[in-house]
Protein backbone atom coordinates (compact mmCIF):
# COMPACT_ATOMS: atom_id res chain seq x y z
CA MET A 1 -105.04 -6.86 9.07
CA GLU A 2 -106.47 -3.40 9.52
CA LYS A 3 -108.70 -1.35 7.21
CA LYS A 4 -108.70 2.43 7.05
CA GLU A 5 -111.30 4.37 5.07
CA ILE A 6 -109.54 6.51 2.45
CA GLY A 7 -112.33 7.55 0.09
CA ARG A 8 -115.59 6.95 -1.73
CA ILE A 9 -116.55 5.97 -5.26
CA SER A 10 -117.92 8.97 -7.14
CA HIS A 11 -118.48 7.31 -10.53
CA TYR A 12 -118.03 4.02 -12.38
CA PHE A 13 -117.15 3.75 -16.06
CA SER A 14 -118.20 0.29 -17.26
CA LYS A 15 -116.38 0.09 -20.59
CA PRO A 16 -112.83 0.65 -19.38
CA GLN A 17 -113.88 -0.72 -15.93
CA VAL A 18 -112.58 2.32 -14.10
CA ALA A 19 -113.69 3.67 -10.74
CA ALA A 20 -113.48 7.37 -9.94
CA ILE A 21 -112.57 7.85 -6.29
CA VAL A 22 -112.58 11.01 -4.19
CA LEU A 23 -109.81 10.46 -1.65
CA THR A 24 -109.96 11.51 2.00
CA ASP A 25 -106.44 10.15 2.61
CA GLY A 26 -103.33 9.37 0.58
CA LEU A 27 -102.86 6.35 -1.69
CA LYS A 28 -99.83 5.00 -3.57
CA ALA A 29 -99.57 2.58 -6.48
CA GLY A 30 -98.82 -0.91 -5.16
CA GLU A 31 -100.95 -0.54 -2.03
CA LYS A 32 -103.80 -2.96 -1.33
CA ILE A 33 -107.34 -1.63 -1.07
CA ALA A 34 -110.80 -3.01 -0.39
CA ILE A 35 -114.00 -1.63 -1.90
CA ALA A 36 -117.23 -2.34 -0.06
CA GLY A 37 -120.89 -1.39 -0.47
CA HIS A 38 -124.36 -2.94 -0.59
CA THR A 39 -123.43 -5.40 -3.34
CA THR A 40 -119.70 -4.70 -3.66
CA ASP A 41 -117.00 -6.48 -1.68
CA PHE A 42 -113.52 -7.18 -3.05
CA GLU A 43 -109.84 -6.49 -2.46
CA MET A 44 -107.22 -5.54 -5.02
CA VAL A 45 -103.75 -4.09 -5.43
CA VAL A 46 -103.70 -0.66 -7.08
CA ASP A 47 -101.45 -1.14 -10.08
CA SER A 48 -101.95 2.31 -11.59
CA MET A 49 -103.84 5.53 -10.94
CA GLN A 50 -104.72 8.50 -13.08
CA ILE A 51 -105.77 12.10 -12.57
CA GLU A 52 -107.26 13.67 -15.73
CA HIS A 53 -105.67 10.90 -17.87
CA ASP A 54 -102.17 11.54 -16.44
CA ILE A 55 -100.62 8.45 -14.84
CA ILE A 56 -99.55 9.07 -11.24
CA THR A 57 -97.91 6.92 -8.56
CA GLU A 58 -99.17 8.79 -5.53
CA ALA A 59 -102.35 10.72 -4.68
CA LYS A 60 -103.32 12.80 -1.65
CA ALA A 61 -106.49 13.63 0.25
CA GLY A 62 -108.85 15.70 -1.91
CA ASP A 63 -107.63 14.19 -5.19
CA ASN A 64 -110.18 12.69 -7.57
CA ILE A 65 -108.45 9.67 -9.09
CA GLY A 66 -109.33 6.91 -11.52
CA ILE A 67 -108.25 3.30 -11.04
CA ARG A 68 -108.96 0.19 -13.07
CA VAL A 69 -111.09 -2.26 -11.08
CA PRO A 70 -111.75 -5.99 -11.65
CA ASP A 71 -115.47 -5.80 -10.84
CA LYS A 72 -118.36 -3.34 -10.95
CA VAL A 73 -118.47 -0.70 -8.21
CA ARG A 74 -121.21 1.74 -7.36
CA GLU A 75 -121.39 5.38 -6.34
CA HIS A 76 -120.92 5.84 -2.58
CA ASP A 77 -119.10 2.49 -2.14
CA VAL A 78 -116.40 2.93 0.50
CA VAL A 79 -112.70 2.52 -0.34
CA TYR A 80 -110.40 1.18 2.40
CA LYS A 81 -106.63 0.92 2.50
CA ILE A 82 -105.56 -2.46 3.87
CA ILE A 83 -102.74 -2.20 6.39
CA GLU A 84 -101.06 -5.53 6.99
């Protein structure tokens, strides 16, 4: 299993449990990611993504996306794509 950095958390919204991510590489719905930081460390499958409340299936480098996350994340946490 290989991890490739694809972005960073820019904001966390606690009520809908959504992480805002600024991407440095592409990401598609259905891909597995890991989010890691000082107190953050989990893996998940991206089931849906949004840009400005529009549901998308694919995002590219430079996009600022929102994804629902199962746990709290923090600004500057690193987002990795997991390549199996």
